[in-house]
């Protein structure tokens, strides 16, 4: 039973899907400043959308996944889940996600943004990443949409600089997030023949780019207080310490540590910092409710 649950969780990339749902909840709370049932339904809707898109991605990638040591033991290439089951589960989750947004939101805009995310991820990023490094662009844009969906569901519009700031913050996080995967599993990607940025840049050059993007990410994090993303002084202090730590951690692991494991640690650390900012902002919202 545990193996059955674990395989379905792997199919829908549970950690990524939970992060997307949390990002939508974060976006909702930024506009409404209240953690209402509508906020929770919006987060659940985006979780379902992300899970469905991830399952469809697993279906689309089942052949290239079988070529790499990192992915060949995933449920689809290993044969523990059939392609038909993956399609049915993914389609059902996407439909549930769209339905949740339609029933919860005040307009059709969140549903359209959610559908756009699925199209970007499954229609552009997934097929084109096997052909060109430029697939990173729709992938990054897709990663910027969950907080926007939450914001729109709460009644927010596109005229606010706050949501554009948040989308820029998420986009800046996405770029080193992608590149750290390539650095972590470069030999595996080369054996599979999938295009990657290390075909263009050396590992040394890519490390510099990763550090510059991480530095930009840290600088953007400093603006959570001026943009009223958080309101309490204690929360602001936590975020400030977090932002100041990012370049130091990246310098230490990129240039002092050895082995591919350091890139995986940086990947996890980068995700944890973003999750931390969201949780602090949501916690502020709960205190204000």
C-alpha atoms as a PDB file:
ATOM      1  CA  UNK A   1       0.000   0.000   0.000  1.00  0.00           C
ATOM      2  CA  UNK A   2       2.810   2.390   0.892  1.00  0.00           C
ATOM      3  CA  UNK A   3       4.538   1.682  -2.429  1.00  0.00           C
ATOM      4  CA  UNK A   4       1.269   2.351  -4.287  1.00  0.00           C
ATOM      5  CA  UNK A   5       0.880   5.747  -2.577  1.00  0.00           C
ATOM      6  CA  UNK A   6       4.548   6.610  -3.065  1.00  0.00           C
ATOM      7  CA  UNK A   7       4.371   5.911  -6.800  1.00  0.00           C
ATOM      8  CA  UNK A   8       1.268   8.104  -7.280  1.00  0.00           C
ATOM      9  CA  UNK A   9       2.901  10.866  -5.261  1.00  0.00           C
ATOM     10  CA  UNK A  10       5.980  10.600  -7.480  1.00  0.00           C
ATOM     11  CA  UNK A  11       3.802  10.680 -10.615  1.00  0.00           C
ATOM     12  CA  UNK A  12       2.311  14.054  -9.658  1.00  0.00           C
ATOM     13  CA  UNK A  13       5.615  15.373  -8.240  1.00  0.00           C
ATOM     14  CA  UNK A  14       4.056  15.951  -4.839  1.00  0.00           C
ATOM     15  CA  UNK A  15       6.651  18.427  -3.427  1.00  0.00           C
ATOM     16  CA  UNK A  16       6.434  20.664  -6.520  1.00  0.00           C
ATOM     17  CA  UNK A  17       2.632  20.514  -6.548  1.00  0.00           C
ATOM     18  CA  UNK A  18       2.421  21.382  -2.849  1.00  0.00           C
ATOM     19  CA  UNK A  19       4.786  24.306  -3.454  1.00  0.00           C
ATOM     20  CA  UNK A  20       2.528  25.565  -6.252  1.00  0.00           C
ATOM     21  CA  UNK A  21      -0.553  25.319  -4.047  1.00  0.00           C
ATOM     22  CA  UNK A  22       1.264  27.182  -1.283  1.00  0.00           C
ATOM     23  CA  UNK A  23       2.300  29.882  -3.796  1.00  0.00           C
ATOM     24  CA  UNK A  24      -1.343  30.381  -4.799  1.00  0.00           C
ATOM     25  CA  UNK A  25      -2.354  30.636  -1.133  1.00  0.00           C
ATOM     26  CA  UNK A  26       0.468  33.142  -0.708  1.00  0.00           C
ATOM     27  CA  UNK A  27      -0.774  35.225  -3.649  1.00  0.00           C
ATOM     28  CA  UNK A  28      -4.339  35.171  -2.336  1.00  0.00           C
ATOM     29  CA  UNK A  29      -3.273  36.304   1.147  1.00  0.00           C
ATOM     30  CA  UNK A  30      -1.219  39.187  -0.284  1.00  0.00           C
ATOM     31  CA  UNK A  31      -4.345  40.785  -1.730  1.00  0.00           C
ATOM     32  CA  UNK A  32      -7.048  39.780   0.715  1.00  0.00           C
ATOM     33  CA  UNK A  33      -5.008  39.720   3.948  1.00  0.00           C
ATOM     34  CA  UNK A  34      -7.351  37.048   5.230  1.00  0.00           C
ATOM     35  CA  UNK A  35      -6.999  33.256   5.267  1.00  0.00           C
ATOM     36  CA  UNK A  36     -10.558  32.412   4.227  1.00  0.00           C
ATOM     37  CA  UNK A  37     -12.091  29.158   2.918  1.00  0.00           C
ATOM     38  CA  UNK A  38     -11.850  30.719  -0.561  1.00  0.00           C
ATOM     39  CA  UNK A  39      -8.078  31.056  -0.086  1.00  0.00           C
ATOM     40  CA  UNK A  40      -7.791  27.388   0.887  1.00  0.00           C
ATOM     41  CA  UNK A  41      -9.925  26.285  -2.057  1.00  0.00           C
ATOM     42  CA  UNK A  42      -7.747  28.379  -4.380  1.00  0.00           C
ATOM     43  CA  UNK A  43      -4.615  26.720  -3.001  1.00  0.00           C
ATOM     44  CA  UNK A  44      -6.227  23.299  -3.430  1.00  0.00           C
ATOM     45  CA  UNK A  45      -7.269  24.145  -6.983  1.00  0.00           C
ATOM     46  CA  UNK A  46      -3.748  25.172  -7.960  1.00  0.00           C
ATOM     47  CA  UNK A  47      -2.345  22.081  -6.240  1.00  0.00           C
ATOM     48  CA  UNK A  48      -4.650  19.906  -8.388  1.00  0.00           C
ATOM     49  CA  UNK A  49      -3.670  21.827 -11.537  1.00  0.00           C
ATOM     50  CA  UNK A  50       0.023  21.463 -10.760  1.00  0.00           C
ATOM     51  CA  UNK A  51      -0.364  17.783  -9.880  1.00  0.00           C
ATOM     52  CA  UNK A  52      -2.256  17.122 -13.119  1.00  0.00           C
ATOM     53  CA  UNK A  53       0.323  18.997 -15.198  1.00  0.00           C
ATOM     54  CA  UNK A  54       3.135  17.123 -13.416  1.00  0.00           C
ATOM     55  CA  UNK A  55       1.439  13.785 -14.100  1.00  0.00           C
ATOM     56  CA  UNK A  56       1.016  14.723 -17.758  1.00  0.00           C
ATOM     57  CA  UNK A  57       4.688  15.754 -17.816  1.00  0.00           C
ATOM     58  CA  UNK A  58       5.600  12.331 -16.431  1.00  0.00           C
ATOM     59  CA  UNK A  59       3.565  10.746 -19.238  1.00  0.00           C
ATOM     60  CA  UNK A  60       5.253  12.921 -21.879  1.00  0.00           C
ATOM     61  CA  UNK A  61       8.741  12.271 -20.479  1.00  0.00           C
ATOM     62  CA  UNK A  62       8.419   8.516 -19.956  1.00  0.00           C
ATOM     63  CA  UNK A  63      10.773   7.669 -22.864  1.00  0.00           C
ATOM     64  CA  UNK A  64      13.580  10.187 -22.116  1.00  0.00           C
ATOM     65  CA  UNK A  65      13.192   9.369 -18.411  1.00  0.00           C
ATOM     66  CA  UNK A  66      14.050   5.762 -19.194  1.00  0.00           C
ATOM     67  CA  UNK A  67      17.419   6.894 -20.605  1.00  0.00           C
ATOM     68  CA  UNK A  68      18.743   8.543 -17.441  1.00  0.00           C
ATOM     69  CA  UNK A  69      19.863   6.899 -14.214  1.00  0.00           C
ATOM     70  CA  UNK A  70      18.257   9.760 -12.248  1.00  0.00           C
ATOM     71  CA  UNK A  71      14.784   9.102 -13.645  1.00  0.00           C
ATOM     72  CA  UNK A  72      14.585   5.548 -14.960  1.00  0.00           C
ATOM     73  CA  UNK A  73      13.182   4.273 -11.655  1.00  0.00           C
ATOM     74  CA  UNK A  74      10.242   6.685 -11.756  1.00  0.00           C
ATOM     75  CA  UNK A  75       6.864   4.915 -11.803  1.00  0.00           C
ATOM     76  CA  UNK A  76       6.136   5.259 -15.550  1.00  0.00           C
ATOM     77  CA  UNK A  77       9.510   4.246 -17.058  1.00  0.00           C
ATOM     78  CA  UNK A  78       9.816   1.485 -14.451  1.00  0.00           C
ATOM     79  CA  UNK A  79       6.380   0.143 -15.425  1.00  0.00           C
ATOM     80  CA  UNK A  80       4.748   0.500 -11.991  1.00  0.00           C
ATOM     81  CA  UNK A  81       2.098   2.840 -13.454  1.00  0.00           C
ATOM     82  CA  UNK A  82       0.633   2.427 -16.925  1.00  0.00           C
ATOM     83  CA  UNK A  83       0.545   5.359 -19.391  1.00  0.00           C
ATOM     84  CA  UNK A  84      -3.262   5.103 -19.517  1.00  0.00           C
ATOM     85  CA  UNK A  85      -3.583   5.438 -15.736  1.00  0.00           C
ATOM     86  CA  UNK A  86      -1.214   8.413 -15.781  1.00  0.00           C
ATOM     87  CA  UNK A  87      -3.326  10.125 -18.464  1.00  0.00           C
ATOM     88  CA  UNK A  88      -6.600   9.483 -16.626  1.00  0.00           C
ATOM     89  CA  UNK A  89      -5.269  10.695 -13.264  1.00  0.00           C
ATOM     90  CA  UNK A  90      -3.628  13.766 -14.818  1.00  0.00           C
ATOM     91  CA  UNK A  91      -6.707  14.750 -16.819  1.00  0.00           C
ATOM     92  CA  UNK A  92      -8.961  14.337 -13.780  1.00  0.00           C
ATOM     93  CA  UNK A  93      -6.691  16.472 -11.606  1.00  0.00           C
ATOM     94  CA  UNK A  94      -6.485  19.252 -14.206  1.00  0.00           C
ATOM     95  CA  UNK A  95     -10.283  19.276 -14.540  1.00  0.00           C
ATOM     96  CA  UNK A  96     -10.691  19.359 -10.747  1.00  0.00           C
ATOM     97  CA  UNK A  97      -8.222  22.238 -10.492  1.00  0.00           C
ATOM     98  CA  UNK A  98      -9.994  24.329 -13.130  1.00  0.00           C
ATOM     99  CA  UNK A  99     -13.376  23.540 -11.566  1.00  0.00           C
ATOM    100  CA  UNK A 100     -12.164  24.601  -8.093  1.00  0.00           C
ATOM    101  CA  UNK A 101     -10.909  27.921  -9.470  1.00  0.00           C
ATOM    102  CA  UNK A 102     -14.104  28.533 -11.440  1.00  0.00           C
ATOM    103  CA  UNK A 103     -16.296  27.871  -8.396  1.00  0.00           C
ATOM    104  CA  UNK A 104     -14.166  29.836  -5.934  1.00  0.00           C
ATOM    105  CA  UNK A 105     -12.895  32.883  -7.822  1.00  0.00           C
ATOM    106  CA  UNK A 106     -14.791  36.086  -8.505  1.00  0.00           C
ATOM    107  CA  UNK A 107     -13.964  36.000 -12.216  1.00  0.00           C
ATOM    108  CA  UNK A 108     -12.756  33.642 -14.916  1.00  0.00           C
ATOM    109  CA  UNK A 109      -9.263  35.198 -14.857  1.00  0.00           C
ATOM    110  CA  UNK A 110      -7.725  32.710 -12.346  1.00  0.00           C
ATOM    111  CA  UNK A 111      -9.000  29.754 -14.388  1.00  0.00           C
ATOM    112  CA  UNK A 112      -7.554  31.234 -17.572  1.00  0.00           C
ATOM    113  CA  UNK A 113      -4.225  31.843 -15.829  1.00  0.00           C
ATOM    114  CA  UNK A 114      -4.253  28.253 -14.556  1.00  0.00           C
ATOM    115  CA  UNK A 115      -5.017  26.896 -18.009  1.00  0.00           C
ATOM    116  CA  UNK A 116      -2.206  29.071 -19.414  1.00  0.00           C
ATOM    117  CA  UNK A 117       0.199  27.519 -16.906  1.00  0.00           C
ATOM    118  CA  UNK A 118      -0.715  24.009 -18.080  1.00  0.00           C
ATOM    119  CA  UNK A 119      -0.261  25.028 -21.736  1.00  0.00           C
ATOM    120  CA  UNK A 120       3.117  26.634 -21.009  1.00  0.00           C
ATOM    121  CA  UNK A 121       4.346  23.641 -19.025  1.00  0.00           C
ATOM    122  CA  UNK A 122       2.973  20.724 -21.015  1.00  0.00           C
ATOM    123  CA  UNK A 123       2.547  22.338 -24.421  1.00  0.00           C
ATOM    124  CA  UNK A 124       5.795  24.309 -24.657  1.00  0.00           C
ATOM    125  CA  UNK A 125       8.322  23.578 -21.912  1.00  0.00           C
ATOM    126  CA  UNK A 126       8.054  19.780 -21.817  1.00  0.00           C
ATOM    127  CA  UNK A 127       8.290  19.028 -25.572  1.00  0.00           C
ATOM    128  CA  UNK A 128      10.792  21.781 -26.373  1.00  0.00           C
ATOM    129  CA  UNK A 129      13.224  21.058 -23.537  1.00  0.00           C
ATOM    130  CA  UNK A 130      14.298  18.006 -25.550  1.00  0.00           C
ATOM    131  CA  UNK A 131      15.237  20.277 -28.472  1.00  0.00           C
ATOM    132  CA  UNK A 132      16.413  23.649 -27.184  1.00  0.00           C
ATOM    133  CA  UNK A 133      17.677  25.414 -24.085  1.00  0.00           C
ATOM    134  CA  UNK A 134      15.166  28.202 -24.790  1.00  0.00           C
ATOM    135  CA  UNK A 135      12.487  25.949 -23.276  1.00  0.00           C
ATOM    136  CA  UNK A 136      13.637  27.502 -20.011  1.00  0.00           C
ATOM    137  CA  UNK A 137      11.614  30.628 -20.910  1.00  0.00           C
ATOM    138  CA  UNK A 138       8.103  29.083 -20.835  1.00  0.00           C
ATOM    139  CA  UNK A 139       9.205  27.016 -17.850  1.00  0.00           C
ATOM    140  CA  UNK A 140      10.123  30.138 -15.879  1.00  0.00           C
ATOM    141  CA  UNK A 141       6.933  31.971 -16.906  1.00  0.00           C
ATOM    142  CA  UNK A 142       4.883  28.965 -15.780  1.00  0.00           C
ATOM    143  CA  UNK A 143       6.627  29.061 -12.401  1.00  0.00           C
ATOM    144  CA  UNK A 144       5.633  32.722 -11.991  1.00  0.00           C
ATOM    145  CA  UNK A 145       1.902  32.061 -12.385  1.00  0.00           C
ATOM    146  CA  UNK A 146       0.783  30.309  -9.130  1.00  0.00           C
ATOM    147  CA  UNK A 147       0.972  33.472  -6.962  1.00  0.00           C
ATOM    148  CA  UNK A 148      -0.744  35.422  -9.756  1.00  0.00           C
ATOM    149  CA  UNK A 149      -3.591  32.886  -9.804  1.00  0.00           C
ATOM    150  CA  UNK A 150      -4.065  33.329  -6.058  1.00  0.00           C
ATOM    151  CA  UNK A 151      -3.934  37.109  -6.380  1.00  0.00           C
ATOM    152  CA  UNK A 152      -6.547  37.127  -9.159  1.00  0.00           C
ATOM    153  CA  UNK A 153      -8.769  34.703  -7.242  1.00  0.00           C
ATOM    154  CA  UNK A 154      -8.809  37.108  -4.291  1.00  0.00           C
ATOM    155  CA  UNK A 155      -9.989  39.913  -6.561  1.00  0.00           C
ATOM    156  CA  UNK A 156      -6.665  41.548  -7.372  1.00  0.00           C
ATOM    157  CA  UNK A 157      -5.833  43.107 -10.717  1.00  0.00           C
ATOM    158  CA  UNK A 158      -2.734  43.483 -12.870  1.00  0.00           C
ATOM    159  CA  UNK A 159      -2.268  47.199 -12.196  1.00  0.00           C
ATOM    160  CA  UNK A 160      -0.614  46.610  -8.803  1.00  0.00           C
ATOM    161  CA  UNK A 161       3.182  46.730  -8.636  1.00  0.00           C
ATOM    162  CA  UNK A 162       3.060  44.247  -5.730  1.00  0.00           C
ATOM    163  CA  UNK A 163       2.011  41.284  -7.870  1.00  0.00           C
ATOM    164  CA  UNK A 164       4.561  42.141 -10.553  1.00  0.00           C
ATOM    165  CA  UNK A 165       7.226  42.257  -7.862  1.00  0.00           C
ATOM    166  CA  UNK A 166       6.180  38.822  -6.583  1.00  0.00           C
ATOM    167  CA  UNK A 167       6.181  37.383 -10.104  1.00  0.00           C
ATOM    168  CA  UNK A 168       9.680  38.798 -10.684  1.00  0.00           C
ATOM    169  CA  UNK A 169      10.798  37.263  -7.386  1.00  0.00           C
ATOM    170  CA  UNK A 170       9.444  33.846  -8.392  1.00  0.00           C
ATOM    171  CA  UNK A 171      10.941  34.130 -11.880  1.00  0.00           C
ATOM    172  CA  UNK A 172      14.368  35.005 -10.479  1.00  0.00           C
ATOM    173  CA  UNK A 173      14.147  31.970  -8.200  1.00  0.00           C
ATOM    174  CA  UNK A 174      13.222  29.673 -11.106  1.00  0.00           C
ATOM    175  CA  UNK A 175      16.354  30.290 -13.220  1.00  0.00           C
ATOM    176  CA  UNK A 176      19.053  29.036 -10.787  1.00  0.00           C
ATOM    177  CA  UNK A 177      16.548  26.362  -9.723  1.00  0.00           C
ATOM    178  CA  UNK A 178      16.649  24.930 -13.283  1.00  0.00           C
ATOM    179  CA  UNK A 179      20.400  25.321 -13.722  1.00  0.00           C
ATOM    180  CA  UNK A 180      21.247  23.599 -10.444  1.00  0.00           C
ATOM    181  CA  UNK A 181      19.456  20.489 -11.754  1.00  0.00           C
ATOM    182  CA  UNK A 182      21.778  20.459 -14.779  1.00  0.00           C
ATOM    183  CA  UNK A 183      24.845  20.938 -12.577  1.00  0.00           C
ATOM    184  CA  UNK A 184      23.712  18.147 -10.249  1.00  0.00           C
ATOM    185  CA  UNK A 185      23.163  15.585 -13.025  1.00  0.00           C
ATOM    186  CA  UNK A 186      25.324  16.862 -15.892  1.00  0.00           C
ATOM    187  CA  UNK A 187      26.812  13.456 -16.761  1.00  0.00           C
ATOM    188  CA  UNK A 188      23.348  11.900 -16.881  1.00  0.00           C
ATOM    189  CA  UNK A 189      22.024  14.643 -19.182  1.00  0.00           C
ATOM    190  CA  UNK A 190      25.017  14.287 -21.514  1.00  0.00           C
ATOM    191  CA  UNK A 191      24.475  10.549 -21.848  1.00  0.00           C
ATOM    192  CA  UNK A 192      20.805  11.097 -22.696  1.00  0.00           C
ATOM    193  CA  UNK A 193      21.558  13.682 -25.398  1.00  0.00           C
ATOM    194  CA  UNK A 194      19.078  16.221 -23.962  1.00  0.00           C
ATOM    195  CA  UNK A 195      20.200  19.812 -24.726  1.00  0.00           C
ATOM    196  CA  UNK A 196      21.417  21.672 -21.651  1.00  0.00           C
ATOM    197  CA  UNK A 197      23.136  24.909 -20.821  1.00  0.00           C
ATOM    198  CA  UNK A 198      26.426  23.090 -20.158  1.00  0.00           C
ATOM    199  CA  UNK A 199      26.574  22.507 -23.930  1.00  0.00           C
ATOM    200  CA  UNK A 200      27.081  26.279 -24.233  1.00  0.00           C
ATOM    201  CA  UNK A 201      28.863  27.249 -21.020  1.00  0.00           C
ATOM    202  CA  UNK A 202      31.556  25.518 -19.008  1.00  0.00           C
ATOM    203  CA  UNK A 203      30.756  24.429 -15.469  1.00  0.00           C
ATOM    204  CA  UNK A 204      32.849  27.329 -14.157  1.00  0.00           C
ATOM    205  CA  UNK A 205      30.930  29.859 -16.261  1.00  0.00           C
ATOM    206  CA  UNK A 206      27.576  28.381 -15.268  1.00  0.00           C
ATOM    207  CA  UNK A 207      28.504  28.576 -11.576  1.00  0.00           C
ATOM    208  CA  UNK A 208      29.112  32.310 -12.038  1.00  0.00           C
ATOM    209  CA  UNK A 209      25.724  32.717 -13.697  1.00  0.00           C
ATOM    210  CA  UNK A 210      24.014  30.746 -10.932  1.00  0.00           C
ATOM    211  CA  UNK A 211      25.660  32.946  -8.303  1.00  0.00           C
ATOM    212  CA  UNK A 212      24.614  36.155 -10.092  1.00  0.00           C
ATOM    213  CA  UNK A 213      21.011  34.976 -10.325  1.00  0.00           C
ATOM    214  CA  UNK A 214      21.071  33.876  -6.674  1.00  0.00           C
ATOM    215  CA  UNK A 215      22.421  37.312  -5.747  1.00  0.00           C
ATOM    216  CA  UNK A 216      19.609  38.974  -7.731  1.00  0.00           C
ATOM    217  CA  UNK A 217      17.135  36.716  -5.949  1.00  0.00           C
ATOM    218  CA  UNK A 218      18.542  37.784  -2.565  1.00  0.00           C
ATOM    219  CA  UNK A 219      18.369  41.479  -3.505  1.00  0.00           C
ATOM    220  CA  UNK A 220      14.727  41.112  -4.566  1.00  0.00           C
ATOM    221  CA  UNK A 221      13.983  39.367  -1.270  1.00  0.00           C
ATOM    222  CA  UNK A 222      15.048  42.535   0.567  1.00  0.00           C
ATOM    223  CA  UNK A 223      12.068  44.372  -0.941  1.00  0.00           C
ATOM    224  CA  UNK A 224       9.376  42.263   0.737  1.00  0.00           C
ATOM    225  CA  UNK A 225       9.035  44.947   3.422  1.00  0.00           C
ATOM    226  CA  UNK A 226       8.804  48.012   1.105  1.00  0.00           C
ATOM    227  CA  UNK A 227       6.236  46.190  -1.057  1.00  0.00           C
ATOM    228  CA  UNK A 228       4.187  45.265   2.053  1.00  0.00           C
ATOM    229  CA  UNK A 229       4.532  41.551   1.416  1.00  0.00           C
ATOM    230  CA  UNK A 230       5.060  41.169   5.154  1.00  0.00           C
ATOM    231  CA  UNK A 231       3.989  43.599   7.845  1.00  0.00           C
ATOM    232  CA  UNK A 232       5.451  42.599  11.198  1.00  0.00           C
ATOM    233  CA  UNK A 233       8.940  43.640  12.234  1.00  0.00           C
ATOM    234  CA  UNK A 234       9.827  40.146  13.457  1.00  0.00           C
ATOM    235  CA  UNK A 235       8.909  38.622  10.088  1.00  0.00           C
ATOM    236  CA  UNK A 236      10.897  41.316   8.291  1.00  0.00           C
ATOM    237  CA  UNK A 237      13.948  40.473  10.404  1.00  0.00           C
ATOM    238  CA  UNK A 238      13.681  36.771   9.502  1.00  0.00           C
ATOM    239  CA  UNK A 239      13.488  37.600   5.798  1.00  0.00           C
ATOM    240  CA  UNK A 240      16.402  40.052   6.062  1.00  0.00           C
ATOM    241  CA  UNK A 241      18.622  37.400   7.658  1.00  0.00           C
ATOM    242  CA  UNK A 242      17.501  34.909   5.011  1.00  0.00           C
ATOM    243  CA  UNK A 243      18.333  37.324   2.179  1.00  0.00           C
ATOM    244  CA  UNK A 244      21.769  38.130   3.577  1.00  0.00           C
ATOM    245  CA  UNK A 245      22.533  34.425   4.012  1.00  0.00           C
ATOM    246  CA  UNK A 246      21.724  33.442   0.399  1.00  0.00           C
ATOM    247  CA  UNK A 247      24.895  34.812  -1.313  1.00  0.00           C
ATOM    248  CA  UNK A 248      27.086  33.511   1.522  1.00  0.00           C
ATOM    249  CA  UNK A 249      25.653  29.996   1.271  1.00  0.00           C
ATOM    250  CA  UNK A 250      25.973  29.996  -2.511  1.00  0.00           C
ATOM    251  CA  UNK A 251      29.592  31.198  -2.363  1.00  0.00           C
ATOM    252  CA  UNK A 252      30.430  28.518   0.180  1.00  0.00           C
ATOM    253  CA  UNK A 253      28.859  25.604  -1.663  1.00  0.00           C
ATOM    254  CA  UNK A 254      29.653  26.684  -5.232  1.00  0.00           C
ATOM    255  CA  UNK A 255      33.333  27.407  -4.668  1.00  0.00           C
ATOM    256  CA  UNK A 256      34.446  25.742  -1.444  1.00  0.00           C
ATOM    257  CA  UNK A 257      32.612  22.424  -1.317  1.00  0.00           C
ATOM    258  CA  UNK A 258      33.322  19.482  -3.631  1.00  0.00           C
ATOM    259  CA  UNK A 259      31.195  16.985  -5.550  1.00  0.00           C
ATOM    260  CA  UNK A 260      27.811  17.100  -7.304  1.00  0.00           C
ATOM    261  CA  UNK A 261      26.051  16.767  -3.955  1.00  0.00           C
ATOM    262  CA  UNK A 262      26.710  20.449  -3.233  1.00  0.00           C
ATOM    263  CA  UNK A 263      24.497  21.428  -6.159  1.00  0.00           C
ATOM    264  CA  UNK A 264      21.661  19.297  -4.809  1.00  0.00           C
ATOM    265  CA  UNK A 265      22.070  20.914  -1.394  1.00  0.00           C
ATOM    266  CA  UNK A 266      21.894  24.350  -3.020  1.00  0.00           C
ATOM    267  CA  UNK A 267      18.788  23.286  -4.964  1.00  0.00           C
ATOM    268  CA  UNK A 268      17.054  22.242  -1.757  1.00  0.00           C
ATOM    269  CA  UNK A 269      18.261  25.351   0.078  1.00  0.00           C
ATOM    270  CA  UNK A 270      16.991  27.677  -2.661  1.00  0.00           C
ATOM    271  CA  UNK A 271      13.558  26.047  -2.588  1.00  0.00           C
ATOM    272  CA  UNK A 272      13.486  26.212   1.214  1.00  0.00           C
ATOM    273  CA  UNK A 273      14.200  29.962   1.221  1.00  0.00           C
ATOM    274  CA  UNK A 274      11.306  30.629  -1.168  1.00  0.00           C
ATOM    275  CA  UNK A 275       8.996  28.413   0.865  1.00  0.00           C
ATOM    276  CA  UNK A 276      10.157  30.225   4.000  1.00  0.00           C
ATOM    277  CA  UNK A 277       9.235  33.655   2.590  1.00  0.00           C
ATOM    278  CA  UNK A 278       5.784  32.363   1.604  1.00  0.00           C
ATOM    279  CA  UNK A 279       5.154  30.745   4.992  1.00  0.00           C
ATOM    280  CA  UNK A 280       6.211  33.887   6.861  1.00  0.00           C
ATOM    281  CA  UNK A 281       3.867  36.018   4.730  1.00  0.00           C
ATOM    282  CA  UNK A 282       0.981  33.574   5.236  1.00  0.00           C
ATOM    283  CA  UNK A 283       1.726  33.480   8.983  1.00  0.00           C
ATOM    284  CA  UNK A 284       1.504  37.291   9.028  1.00  0.00           C
ATOM    285  CA  UNK A 285      -1.859  36.967   7.327  1.00  0.00           C
ATOM    286  CA  UNK A 286      -3.099  34.448   9.921  1.00  0.00           C
ATOM    287  CA  UNK A 287      -2.076  36.782  12.749  1.00  0.00           C
ATOM    288  CA  UNK A 288      -3.940  39.628  11.072  1.00  0.00           C
ATOM    289  CA  UNK A 289      -7.132  37.556  10.617  1.00  0.00           C
END
